[in-house]
Amino acid sequence: MTTQIDLTELAPQERYKLLTAVVIPRPVAWVTTQDRLGRVNAAPFSFFNLFGQDPALVILGLEHARDGSGPKDTARNIAATGEFVVNIVTPDLIGPMVETASAYPPDVSEPQALDLALAPSSQVAPPRLAAAPVAIECRLRDTLRYSGERDIVVGEAVALVARDGLIDTGRMHVDWGGNLPLARLFADRYARLEEIACHPIPQPKEQP
């Protein structure tokens, strides 16, 4: 027996709850942006991934305000400046990351309110979060909007900054040293990536 659900018949919030519980785990983008006055915003998003390498595209799903007032700070800042930074979250950073998800007013900088240290980026104006082991600097390529619920932001990754010792630039090899990035599950649940196994792709089986 199977359970069949017509997603088109569900309310949007029911679709969200169901789909985010089955499409797991998802990476977390801890995004820093800057408004035209220089205020730095930080917020986490798990509708996020990498799509391609030529160009290297990063895609974010940025939810709008639920009161119908339009895009939130991150989407507004990206639209205004065309730049953002994706900071990668490891389990030791889950506390401050979740704190930045609180609904601070637009004129309040989360890093400033929460005393999060910032560091300059190399190719974009928004700074990175100094505690993050990796930061991906991005420039806006496109924004898609299929409804008033969310913007899909497509950015080009133009630079990467990593903690010393994390990347062997000779081999372009990343060694997380057991402290792999955090995974988002659903609701307020997150997971550590601990059991790793290699499964090389085999050659096709010979056909009779």
N, C-alpha and C. Protein backbone atom coordinates (compact mmCIF):
# COMPACT_ATOMS: atom_id res chain seq x y z
N MET A 1 0.84 -1.20 0.00
CA MET A 1 0.00 0.00 0.00
C MET A 1 0.88 1.26 0.00
N THR A 2 0.41 2.28 -0.64
CA THR A 2 1.11 3.56 -0.66
C THR A 2 0.15 4.68 -0.30
N THR A 3 0.72 5.79 0.16
CA THR A 3 -0.06 6.99 0.43
C THR A 3 0.14 7.96 -0.72
N GLN A 4 -0.93 8.38 -1.34
CA GLN A 4 -0.85 9.32 -2.45
C GLN A 4 -1.51 10.63 -2.04
N ILE A 5 -0.77 11.72 -2.27
CA ILE A 5 -1.24 13.04 -1.86
C ILE A 5 -1.17 13.97 -3.06
N ASP A 6 -2.26 14.61 -3.37
CA ASP A 6 -2.31 15.61 -4.45
C ASP A 6 -1.85 16.94 -3.84
N LEU A 7 -0.61 17.31 -4.12
CA LEU A 7 -0.05 18.53 -3.53
C LEU A 7 -0.80 19.77 -3.96
N THR A 8 -1.41 19.75 -5.14
CA THR A 8 -2.12 20.93 -5.62
C THR A 8 -3.40 21.19 -4.82
N GLU A 9 -3.86 20.17 -4.07
CA GLU A 9 -5.06 20.33 -3.27
C GLU A 9 -4.77 20.80 -1.84
N LEU A 10 -3.50 20.88 -1.48
CA LEU A 10 -3.12 21.27 -0.13
C LEU A 10 -2.95 22.78 -0.01
N ALA A 11 -3.14 23.28 1.19
CA ALA A 11 -2.83 24.68 1.48
C ALA A 11 -1.32 24.86 1.42
N PRO A 12 -0.82 26.04 1.03
CA PRO A 12 0.63 26.25 0.91
C PRO A 12 1.41 25.84 2.15
N GLN A 13 0.91 26.17 3.35
CA GLN A 13 1.64 25.83 4.56
C GLN A 13 1.70 24.33 4.77
N GLU A 14 0.66 23.60 4.35
CA GLU A 14 0.68 22.14 4.44
C GLU A 14 1.71 21.55 3.47
N ARG A 15 1.80 22.12 2.26
CA ARG A 15 2.81 21.67 1.30
C ARG A 15 4.21 21.91 1.84
N TYR A 16 4.41 23.08 2.41
CA TYR A 16 5.71 23.42 2.99
C TYR A 16 6.09 22.42 4.08
N LYS A 17 5.17 22.18 4.98
CA LYS A 17 5.45 21.28 6.11
C LYS A 17 5.79 19.87 5.62
N LEU A 18 5.06 19.40 4.63
CA LEU A 18 5.27 18.05 4.12
C LEU A 18 6.57 17.94 3.33
N LEU A 19 6.78 18.85 2.40
CA LEU A 19 7.94 18.76 1.52
C LEU A 19 9.25 18.97 2.26
N THR A 20 9.27 19.90 3.22
CA THR A 20 10.51 20.13 3.96
C THR A 20 10.82 19.00 4.93
N ALA A 21 9.83 18.14 5.19
CA ALA A 21 10.07 16.98 6.05
C ALA A 21 10.56 15.77 5.26
N VAL A 22 10.38 15.79 3.94
CA VAL A 22 10.84 14.65 3.13
C VAL A 22 12.08 15.00 2.31
N VAL A 23 12.28 16.25 1.97
CA VAL A 23 13.49 16.64 1.23
C VAL A 23 14.54 17.05 2.26
N ILE A 24 15.20 16.03 2.81
CA ILE A 24 16.20 16.26 3.86
C ILE A 24 17.40 15.34 3.63
N PRO A 25 18.56 15.74 4.14
CA PRO A 25 18.86 17.01 4.79
C PRO A 25 19.11 18.10 3.76
N ARG A 26 19.05 19.34 4.20
CA ARG A 26 19.34 20.47 3.31
C ARG A 26 20.47 21.29 3.92
N PRO A 27 21.34 21.84 3.09
CA PRO A 27 22.40 22.70 3.63
C PRO A 27 21.82 24.02 4.10
N VAL A 28 22.56 24.68 4.94
CA VAL A 28 22.13 25.97 5.50
C VAL A 28 23.04 27.08 4.99
N ALA A 29 22.43 28.11 4.40
CA ALA A 29 23.17 29.30 3.99
C ALA A 29 22.94 30.37 5.04
N TRP A 30 23.99 30.79 5.70
CA TRP A 30 23.90 31.89 6.68
C TRP A 30 24.33 33.14 5.91
N VAL A 31 23.36 33.88 5.43
CA VAL A 31 23.61 34.91 4.42
C VAL A 31 23.82 36.28 5.07
N THR A 32 24.89 36.94 4.67
CA THR A 32 25.11 38.32 5.07
C THR A 32 24.93 39.23 3.86
N THR A 33 24.21 40.32 4.11
CA THR A 33 23.99 41.35 3.09
C THR A 33 24.20 42.71 3.73
N GLN A 34 24.15 43.74 2.90
CA GLN A 34 24.36 45.10 3.38
C GLN A 34 23.37 46.01 2.69
N ASP A 35 22.73 46.89 3.46
CA ASP A 35 21.82 47.84 2.82
C ASP A 35 22.60 49.05 2.33
N ARG A 36 21.91 49.98 1.70
CA ARG A 36 22.60 51.14 1.10
C ARG A 36 23.22 52.05 2.16
N LEU A 37 22.80 51.92 3.42
CA LEU A 37 23.38 52.72 4.50
C LEU A 37 24.54 52.01 5.18
N GLY A 38 24.86 50.81 4.70
CA GLY A 38 25.99 50.07 5.25
C GLY A 38 25.65 49.15 6.39
N ARG A 39 24.36 49.05 6.76
CA ARG A 39 23.98 48.15 7.85
C ARG A 39 24.04 46.70 7.37
N VAL A 40 24.61 45.82 8.18
CA VAL A 40 24.81 44.43 7.81
C VAL A 40 23.69 43.56 8.39
N ASN A 41 23.07 42.79 7.51
CA ASN A 41 22.02 41.85 7.91
C ASN A 41 22.58 40.44 7.84
N ALA A 42 22.16 39.58 8.76
CA ALA A 42 22.54 38.17 8.73
C ALA A 42 21.29 37.33 8.99
N ALA A 43 21.07 36.32 8.14
CA ALA A 43 19.89 35.47 8.30
C ALA A 43 20.16 34.10 7.67
N PRO A 44 19.61 33.03 8.26
CA PRO A 44 19.82 31.68 7.72
C PRO A 44 18.71 31.25 6.78
N PHE A 45 19.08 30.45 5.77
CA PHE A 45 18.12 29.93 4.80
C PHE A 45 18.50 28.50 4.44
N SER A 46 17.50 27.60 4.41
CA SER A 46 17.78 26.22 4.02
C SER A 46 17.17 25.86 2.68
N PHE A 47 16.54 26.83 1.99
CA PHE A 47 16.22 26.65 0.58
C PHE A 47 17.44 27.20 -0.17
N PHE A 48 18.45 26.35 -0.30
CA PHE A 48 19.76 26.81 -0.76
C PHE A 48 20.53 25.64 -1.35
N ASN A 49 21.25 25.90 -2.44
CA ASN A 49 22.20 24.91 -2.94
C ASN A 49 23.06 25.53 -4.03
N LEU A 50 24.01 24.72 -4.49
CA LEU A 50 24.90 25.09 -5.59
C LEU A 50 24.37 24.47 -6.87
N PHE A 51 24.34 25.26 -7.95
CA PHE A 51 23.82 24.77 -9.23
C PHE A 51 24.79 25.13 -10.35
N GLY A 52 25.73 24.23 -10.61
CA GLY A 52 26.63 24.44 -11.73
C GLY A 52 27.95 25.06 -11.34
N GLN A 53 28.89 24.99 -12.31
CA GLN A 53 30.22 25.51 -12.06
C GLN A 53 30.72 26.45 -13.14
N ASP A 54 30.01 26.60 -14.24
CA ASP A 54 30.47 27.48 -15.31
C ASP A 54 29.27 28.18 -15.97
N PRO A 55 28.75 29.23 -15.36
CA PRO A 55 29.25 29.87 -14.15
C PRO A 55 28.86 29.10 -12.89
N ALA A 56 29.56 29.39 -11.80
CA ALA A 56 29.25 28.78 -10.51
C ALA A 56 28.05 29.50 -9.91
N LEU A 57 26.91 28.82 -9.90
CA LEU A 57 25.67 29.46 -9.47
C LEU A 57 25.23 28.99 -8.09
N VAL A 58 24.82 29.93 -7.27
CA VAL A 58 24.26 29.66 -5.95
C VAL A 58 22.81 30.12 -5.98
N ILE A 59 21.91 29.28 -5.50
CA ILE A 59 20.48 29.62 -5.53
C ILE A 59 19.92 29.66 -4.12
N LEU A 60 19.18 30.72 -3.82
CA LEU A 60 18.54 30.91 -2.52
C LEU A 60 17.04 31.07 -2.72
N GLY A 61 16.25 30.48 -1.85
CA GLY A 61 14.82 30.73 -1.79
C GLY A 61 14.54 31.64 -0.60
N LEU A 62 14.19 32.89 -0.86
CA LEU A 62 14.05 33.89 0.20
C LEU A 62 12.59 34.22 0.44
N GLU A 63 12.08 33.80 1.60
CA GLU A 63 10.68 33.99 1.92
C GLU A 63 10.35 35.47 2.15
N HIS A 64 9.16 35.88 1.70
CA HIS A 64 8.68 37.23 1.95
C HIS A 64 8.04 37.31 3.34
N ALA A 65 7.84 38.52 3.80
CA ALA A 65 7.17 38.72 5.09
C ALA A 65 5.76 38.15 5.05
N ARG A 66 5.37 37.48 6.12
CA ARG A 66 4.07 36.82 6.15
C ARG A 66 2.91 37.80 6.30
N ASP A 67 3.22 39.05 6.64
CA ASP A 67 2.14 40.04 6.75
C ASP A 67 1.81 40.68 5.41
N GLY A 68 2.46 40.19 4.34
CA GLY A 68 2.18 40.72 3.01
C GLY A 68 2.91 41.99 2.66
N SER A 69 3.89 42.38 3.49
CA SER A 69 4.59 43.64 3.26
C SER A 69 5.73 43.52 2.24
N GLY A 70 5.91 42.32 1.68
CA GLY A 70 6.91 42.16 0.62
C GLY A 70 8.18 41.48 1.09
N PRO A 71 9.26 41.62 0.32
CA PRO A 71 10.53 40.93 0.64
C PRO A 71 11.07 41.34 2.00
N LYS A 72 11.74 40.38 2.65
CA LYS A 72 12.42 40.68 3.91
C LYS A 72 13.77 41.33 3.63
N ASP A 73 14.52 41.60 4.70
CA ASP A 73 15.76 42.37 4.59
C ASP A 73 16.76 41.77 3.60
N THR A 74 16.97 40.45 3.67
CA THR A 74 17.98 39.83 2.80
C THR A 74 17.65 40.04 1.33
N ALA A 75 16.42 39.72 0.94
CA ALA A 75 16.02 39.88 -0.46
C ALA A 75 16.06 41.34 -0.88
N ARG A 76 15.64 42.22 0.00
CA ARG A 76 15.64 43.66 -0.30
C ARG A 76 17.07 44.17 -0.50
N ASN A 77 17.97 43.75 0.37
CA ASN A 77 19.36 44.20 0.27
C ASN A 77 20.03 43.67 -1.00
N ILE A 78 19.76 42.40 -1.34
CA ILE A 78 20.36 41.84 -2.56
C ILE A 78 19.84 42.57 -3.79
N ALA A 79 18.54 42.88 -3.81
CA ALA A 79 17.98 43.60 -4.95
C ALA A 79 18.59 45.00 -5.07
N ALA A 80 18.89 45.62 -3.92
CA ALA A 80 19.41 46.99 -3.93
C ALA A 80 20.88 47.06 -4.28
N THR A 81 21.67 46.07 -3.82
CA THR A 81 23.13 46.15 -3.98
C THR A 81 23.70 45.13 -4.95
N GLY A 82 22.95 44.04 -5.19
CA GLY A 82 23.43 43.02 -6.12
C GLY A 82 24.50 42.11 -5.57
N GLU A 83 24.69 42.09 -4.25
CA GLU A 83 25.76 41.27 -3.67
C GLU A 83 25.31 40.61 -2.38
N PHE A 84 25.89 39.44 -2.09
CA PHE A 84 25.63 38.76 -0.82
C PHE A 84 26.73 37.75 -0.56
N VAL A 85 26.81 37.29 0.68
CA VAL A 85 27.80 36.29 1.08
C VAL A 85 27.08 35.13 1.75
N VAL A 86 27.38 33.91 1.30
CA VAL A 86 26.86 32.70 1.94
C VAL A 86 27.92 32.18 2.89
N ASN A 87 27.63 32.25 4.18
CA ASN A 87 28.52 31.71 5.21
C ASN A 87 28.07 30.30 5.54
N ILE A 88 29.00 29.35 5.55
CA ILE A 88 28.67 27.96 5.82
C ILE A 88 28.67 27.71 7.33
N VAL A 89 27.62 27.03 7.79
CA VAL A 89 27.41 26.83 9.23
C VAL A 89 27.88 25.45 9.65
N THR A 90 28.70 25.38 10.68
CA THR A 90 29.08 24.12 11.30
C THR A 90 28.35 24.01 12.64
N PRO A 91 28.26 22.79 13.20
CA PRO A 91 27.44 22.60 14.41
C PRO A 91 27.77 23.52 15.58
N ASP A 92 29.01 23.93 15.71
CA ASP A 92 29.38 24.82 16.81
C ASP A 92 28.77 26.22 16.67
N LEU A 93 28.24 26.53 15.49
CA LEU A 93 27.67 27.86 15.25
C LEU A 93 26.14 27.86 15.26
N ILE A 94 25.52 26.74 15.61
CA ILE A 94 24.07 26.65 15.51
C ILE A 94 23.37 27.67 16.42
N GLY A 95 23.91 27.94 17.60
CA GLY A 95 23.28 28.90 18.51
C GLY A 95 23.14 30.29 17.92
N PRO A 96 24.26 30.94 17.55
CA PRO A 96 24.14 32.27 16.95
C PRO A 96 23.41 32.27 15.62
N MET A 97 23.53 31.18 14.84
CA MET A 97 22.81 31.12 13.56
C MET A 97 21.30 31.19 13.79
N VAL A 98 20.79 30.39 14.73
CA VAL A 98 19.35 30.39 15.02
C VAL A 98 18.92 31.75 15.57
N GLU A 99 19.78 32.38 16.36
CA GLU A 99 19.43 33.69 16.92
C GLU A 99 19.21 34.72 15.82
N THR A 100 19.95 34.62 14.72
CA THR A 100 19.78 35.60 13.64
C THR A 100 18.49 35.39 12.86
N ALA A 101 17.79 34.27 13.11
CA ALA A 101 16.50 34.05 12.46
C ALA A 101 15.38 34.82 13.13
N SER A 102 15.64 35.42 14.29
CA SER A 102 14.62 36.22 14.97
C SER A 102 14.22 37.42 14.11
N ALA A 103 13.01 37.90 14.35
CA ALA A 103 12.45 38.98 13.52
C ALA A 103 12.92 40.35 14.02
N TYR A 104 14.17 40.67 13.74
CA TYR A 104 14.67 42.00 14.08
C TYR A 104 14.13 43.02 13.09
N PRO A 105 13.90 44.26 13.52
CA PRO A 105 13.46 45.31 12.60
C PRO A 105 14.50 45.57 11.51
N PRO A 106 14.08 46.10 10.36
CA PRO A 106 15.01 46.33 9.25
C PRO A 106 16.19 47.23 9.59
N ASP A 107 16.00 48.14 10.55
CA ASP A 107 17.09 49.06 10.88
C ASP A 107 18.04 48.51 11.94
N VAL A 108 17.86 47.25 12.32
CA VAL A 108 18.73 46.63 13.32
C VAL A 108 19.63 45.60 12.64
N SER A 109 20.92 45.71 12.86
CA SER A 109 21.90 44.76 12.32
C SER A 109 22.01 43.58 13.27
N GLU A 110 21.70 42.39 12.77
CA GLU A 110 21.80 41.19 13.61
C GLU A 110 23.22 40.97 14.15
N PRO A 111 24.26 41.08 13.30
CA PRO A 111 25.62 40.91 13.83
C PRO A 111 25.94 41.90 14.95
N GLN A 112 25.45 43.13 14.81
CA GLN A 112 25.72 44.11 15.85
C GLN A 112 24.92 43.80 17.11
N ALA A 113 23.64 43.43 16.94
CA ALA A 113 22.79 43.14 18.10
C ALA A 113 23.28 41.92 18.86
N LEU A 114 23.84 40.94 18.14
CA LEU A 114 24.26 39.68 18.75
C LEU A 114 25.77 39.60 18.96
N ASP A 115 26.46 40.69 18.68
CA ASP A 115 27.92 40.76 18.87
C ASP A 115 28.64 39.68 18.08
N LEU A 116 28.29 39.56 16.79
CA LEU A 116 28.94 38.60 15.90
C LEU A 116 30.04 39.31 15.13
N ALA A 117 31.24 38.81 15.23
CA ALA A 117 32.38 39.45 14.56
C ALA A 117 32.26 39.30 13.05
N LEU A 118 32.61 40.37 12.35
CA LEU A 118 32.60 40.40 10.89
C LEU A 118 34.03 40.52 10.37
N ALA A 119 34.21 40.10 9.12
CA ALA A 119 35.50 40.24 8.44
C ALA A 119 35.24 40.69 7.02
N PRO A 120 36.14 41.48 6.44
CA PRO A 120 35.90 41.99 5.08
C PRO A 120 35.93 40.88 4.04
N SER A 121 35.07 41.02 3.04
CA SER A 121 35.10 40.12 1.89
C SER A 121 36.16 40.60 0.92
N SER A 122 36.50 39.74 -0.05
CA SER A 122 37.58 40.09 -0.98
C SER A 122 37.07 40.76 -2.25
N GLN A 123 35.83 40.40 -2.70
CA GLN A 123 35.35 40.92 -3.98
C GLN A 123 33.96 41.55 -3.91
N VAL A 124 33.28 41.47 -2.78
CA VAL A 124 31.97 42.09 -2.65
C VAL A 124 31.95 42.96 -1.40
N ALA A 125 30.99 43.86 -1.33
CA ALA A 125 30.93 44.79 -0.20
C ALA A 125 30.44 44.16 1.09
N PRO A 126 29.41 43.30 1.08
CA PRO A 126 28.96 42.74 2.35
C PRO A 126 30.07 41.93 3.02
N PRO A 127 30.28 42.11 4.30
CA PRO A 127 31.32 41.34 4.99
C PRO A 127 30.86 39.91 5.25
N ARG A 128 31.81 39.05 5.58
CA ARG A 128 31.49 37.69 5.99
C ARG A 128 31.44 37.61 7.51
N LEU A 129 30.89 36.52 8.01
CA LEU A 129 30.89 36.25 9.44
C LEU A 129 32.23 35.60 9.79
N ALA A 130 32.99 36.22 10.66
CA ALA A 130 34.36 35.78 10.92
C ALA A 130 34.42 34.36 11.48
N ALA A 131 33.39 33.93 12.19
CA ALA A 131 33.41 32.60 12.81
C ALA A 131 33.12 31.48 11.83
N ALA A 132 32.55 31.78 10.69
CA ALA A 132 32.20 30.75 9.72
C ALA A 132 33.46 30.19 9.07
N PRO A 133 33.58 28.86 8.93
CA PRO A 133 34.79 28.29 8.35
C PRO A 133 34.96 28.57 6.86
N VAL A 134 33.85 28.79 6.16
CA VAL A 134 33.88 29.07 4.73
C VAL A 134 32.85 30.14 4.40
N ALA A 135 33.20 31.05 3.53
CA ALA A 135 32.26 32.05 3.04
C ALA A 135 32.36 32.11 1.52
N ILE A 136 31.22 32.14 0.86
CA ILE A 136 31.16 32.21 -0.60
C ILE A 136 30.61 33.58 -0.99
N GLU A 137 31.41 34.35 -1.67
CA GLU A 137 31.01 35.70 -2.07
C GLU A 137 30.27 35.62 -3.41
N CYS A 138 29.11 36.27 -3.47
CA CYS A 138 28.24 36.13 -4.65
C CYS A 138 27.77 37.48 -5.17
N ARG A 139 27.55 37.50 -6.50
CA ARG A 139 26.93 38.65 -7.15
C ARG A 139 25.63 38.19 -7.80
N LEU A 140 24.62 39.01 -7.71
CA LEU A 140 23.30 38.68 -8.24
C LEU A 140 23.33 38.50 -9.75
N ARG A 141 22.76 37.39 -10.21
CA ARG A 141 22.60 37.16 -11.65
C ARG A 141 21.14 37.30 -12.08
N ASP A 142 20.21 36.84 -11.25
CA ASP A 142 18.80 36.86 -11.64
C ASP A 142 17.93 36.67 -10.40
N THR A 143 16.71 37.14 -10.48
CA THR A 143 15.72 36.92 -9.44
C THR A 143 14.43 36.44 -10.10
N LEU A 144 13.90 35.33 -9.63
CA LEU A 144 12.65 34.78 -10.14
C LEU A 144 11.58 34.91 -9.07
N ARG A 145 10.39 35.27 -9.51
CA ARG A 145 9.28 35.38 -8.56
C ARG A 145 8.03 34.78 -9.19
N TYR A 146 7.60 33.67 -8.61
CA TYR A 146 6.43 32.97 -9.12
C TYR A 146 5.17 33.30 -8.32
N SER A 147 5.37 33.93 -7.16
CA SER A 147 4.23 34.34 -6.33
C SER A 147 4.75 35.37 -5.34
N GLY A 148 3.85 35.88 -4.52
CA GLY A 148 4.25 36.83 -3.49
C GLY A 148 4.83 36.17 -2.27
N GLU A 149 5.06 34.86 -2.33
CA GLU A 149 5.52 34.11 -1.17
C GLU A 149 7.04 34.07 -1.03
N ARG A 150 7.75 34.11 -2.16
CA ARG A 150 9.20 33.88 -2.09
C ARG A 150 9.89 34.38 -3.35
N ASP A 151 11.11 34.87 -3.19
CA ASP A 151 12.00 35.16 -4.32
C ASP A 151 12.99 34.02 -4.47
N ILE A 152 13.27 33.64 -5.70
CA ILE A 152 14.36 32.70 -5.98
C ILE A 152 15.50 33.53 -6.54
N VAL A 153 16.55 33.62 -5.76
CA VAL A 153 17.70 34.46 -6.11
C VAL A 153 18.82 33.58 -6.67
N VAL A 154 19.29 33.93 -7.85
CA VAL A 154 20.39 33.22 -8.49
C VAL A 154 21.61 34.13 -8.44
N GLY A 155 22.64 33.68 -7.75
CA GLY A 155 23.86 34.45 -7.65
C GLY A 155 25.03 33.71 -8.26
N GLU A 156 26.03 34.45 -8.72
CA GLU A 156 27.26 33.84 -9.20
C GLU A 156 28.31 33.89 -8.10
N ALA A 157 28.86 32.73 -7.75
CA ALA A 157 29.93 32.66 -6.76
C ALA A 157 31.21 33.19 -7.40
N VAL A 158 31.75 34.28 -6.86
CA VAL A 158 32.93 34.92 -7.46
C VAL A 158 34.18 34.78 -6.61
N ALA A 159 34.02 34.38 -5.34
CA ALA A 159 35.19 34.22 -4.47
C ALA A 159 34.82 33.32 -3.30
N LEU A 160 35.84 32.69 -2.73
CA LEU A 160 35.65 31.82 -1.59
C LEU A 160 36.74 32.10 -0.58
N VAL A 161 36.34 32.24 0.66
CA VAL A 161 37.30 32.46 1.76
C VAL A 161 37.14 31.33 2.75
N ALA A 162 38.25 30.72 3.14
CA ALA A 162 38.19 29.57 4.04
C ALA A 162 39.20 29.71 5.17
N ARG A 163 38.87 29.10 6.29
CA ARG A 163 39.76 29.06 7.44
C ARG A 163 41.07 28.36 7.04
N ASP A 164 42.18 28.83 7.57
CA ASP A 164 43.48 28.24 7.27
C ASP A 164 43.47 26.74 7.54
N GLY A 165 44.00 25.98 6.60
CA GLY A 165 44.10 24.54 6.76
C GLY A 165 42.91 23.77 6.26
N LEU A 166 41.82 24.44 5.93
CA LEU A 166 40.62 23.74 5.47
C LEU A 166 40.75 23.28 4.03
N ILE A 167 41.40 24.09 3.18
CA ILE A 167 41.49 23.78 1.76
C ILE A 167 42.95 23.63 1.34
N ASP A 168 43.24 22.53 0.68
CA ASP A 168 44.53 22.33 0.04
C ASP A 168 44.39 22.88 -1.37
N THR A 169 44.92 24.08 -1.60
CA THR A 169 44.72 24.74 -2.90
C THR A 169 45.50 24.06 -4.02
N GLY A 170 46.51 23.27 -3.68
CA GLY A 170 47.24 22.55 -4.71
C GLY A 170 46.38 21.47 -5.35
N ARG A 171 45.64 20.74 -4.52
CA ARG A 171 44.78 19.66 -5.01
C ARG A 171 43.32 20.09 -5.10
N MET A 172 43.01 21.31 -4.65
CA MET A 172 41.63 21.78 -4.56
C MET A 172 40.80 20.78 -3.75
N HIS A 173 41.37 20.40 -2.62
CA HIS A 173 40.74 19.40 -1.74
C HIS A 173 40.34 20.07 -0.43
N VAL A 174 39.12 19.77 0.04
CA VAL A 174 38.62 20.32 1.30
C VAL A 174 38.63 19.23 2.35
N ASP A 175 39.24 19.51 3.49
CA ASP A 175 39.28 18.58 4.61
C ASP A 175 38.58 19.21 5.80
N TRP A 176 37.34 18.75 6.06
CA TRP A 176 36.55 19.32 7.15
C TRP A 176 37.02 18.85 8.53
N GLY A 177 37.89 17.87 8.57
CA GLY A 177 38.42 17.42 9.85
C GLY A 177 37.36 16.90 10.81
N GLY A 178 36.29 16.33 10.27
CA GLY A 178 35.23 15.80 11.13
C GLY A 178 34.18 16.80 11.53
N ASN A 179 34.45 18.09 11.30
CA ASN A 179 33.47 19.12 11.67
C ASN A 179 32.72 19.57 10.42
N LEU A 180 31.91 18.66 9.88
CA LEU A 180 31.19 18.92 8.63
C LEU A 180 30.06 19.92 8.84
N PRO A 181 29.63 20.59 7.76
CA PRO A 181 28.56 21.58 7.89
C PRO A 181 27.27 21.00 8.47
N LEU A 182 26.51 21.88 9.08
CA LEU A 182 25.23 21.54 9.68
C LEU A 182 24.20 21.20 8.61
N ALA A 183 23.29 20.28 8.93
CA ALA A 183 22.21 19.92 8.01
C ALA A 183 20.87 20.30 8.62
N ARG A 184 20.01 20.91 7.82
CA ARG A 184 18.66 21.26 8.26
C ARG A 184 17.72 20.10 7.97
N LEU A 185 16.90 19.75 8.92
CA LEU A 185 15.88 18.74 8.71
C LEU A 185 14.55 19.43 8.48
N PHE A 186 13.73 19.58 9.52
CA PHE A 186 12.45 20.27 9.37
C PHE A 186 12.11 20.93 10.69
N ALA A 187 11.18 21.90 10.62
CA ALA A 187 10.80 22.68 11.81
C ALA A 187 12.08 23.21 12.47
N ASP A 188 12.28 22.90 13.76
CA ASP A 188 13.47 23.40 14.46
C ASP A 188 14.52 22.32 14.64
N ARG A 189 14.53 21.34 13.75
CA ARG A 189 15.43 20.19 13.89
C ARG A 189 16.60 20.27 12.90
N TYR A 190 17.79 20.03 13.44
CA TYR A 190 19.02 20.04 12.66
C TYR A 190 19.79 18.75 12.94
N ALA A 191 20.77 18.44 12.11
CA ALA A 191 21.52 17.20 12.28
C ALA A 191 23.00 17.42 11.95
N ARG A 192 23.84 16.60 12.59
CA ARG A 192 25.25 16.55 12.27
C ARG A 192 25.49 15.48 11.20
N LEU A 193 26.42 15.73 10.31
CA LEU A 193 26.82 14.73 9.33
C LEU A 193 28.03 14.00 9.90
N GLU A 194 27.85 12.73 10.26
CA GLU A 194 28.91 12.01 10.94
C GLU A 194 29.34 10.72 10.25
N GLU A 195 28.40 9.91 9.79
CA GLU A 195 28.75 8.64 9.17
C GLU A 195 28.89 8.84 7.65
N ILE A 196 30.12 8.78 7.17
CA ILE A 196 30.41 9.03 5.77
C ILE A 196 30.94 7.74 5.14
N ALA A 197 30.38 7.38 4.00
CA ALA A 197 30.83 6.19 3.28
C ALA A 197 31.02 6.53 1.80
N CYS A 198 32.03 5.92 1.18
CA CYS A 198 32.30 6.15 -0.24
C CYS A 198 31.62 5.07 -1.08
N HIS A 199 30.98 5.49 -2.17
CA HIS A 199 30.33 4.55 -3.09
C HIS A 199 30.66 4.98 -4.53
N PRO A 200 31.82 4.56 -5.04
CA PRO A 200 32.19 4.95 -6.41
C PRO A 200 31.17 4.43 -7.43
N ILE A 201 30.97 5.19 -8.50
CA ILE A 201 30.04 4.76 -9.56
C ILE A 201 30.71 3.64 -10.35
N PRO A 202 30.05 2.48 -10.47
CA PRO A 202 30.67 1.36 -11.19
C PRO A 202 30.51 1.52 -12.71
N GLN A 203 31.23 0.70 -13.44
CA GLN A 203 31.04 0.63 -14.89
C GLN A 203 29.70 -0.04 -15.18
N PRO A 204 29.05 0.31 -16.31
CA PRO A 204 27.79 -0.34 -16.65
C PRO A 204 27.98 -1.86 -16.78
N LYS A 205 26.97 -2.60 -16.38
CA LYS A 205 27.02 -4.05 -16.51
C LYS A 205 26.93 -4.44 -17.99
N GLU A 206 27.68 -5.48 -18.33
CA GLU A 206 27.64 -5.96 -19.69
C GLU A 206 26.27 -6.55 -19.99
N GLN A 207 25.74 -6.19 -21.15
CA GLN A 207 24.43 -6.67 -21.54
C GLN A 207 24.56 -7.93 -22.42
N PRO A 208 23.68 -8.90 -22.22
CA PRO A 208 23.75 -10.13 -23.02
C PRO A 208 23.46 -9.85 -24.49
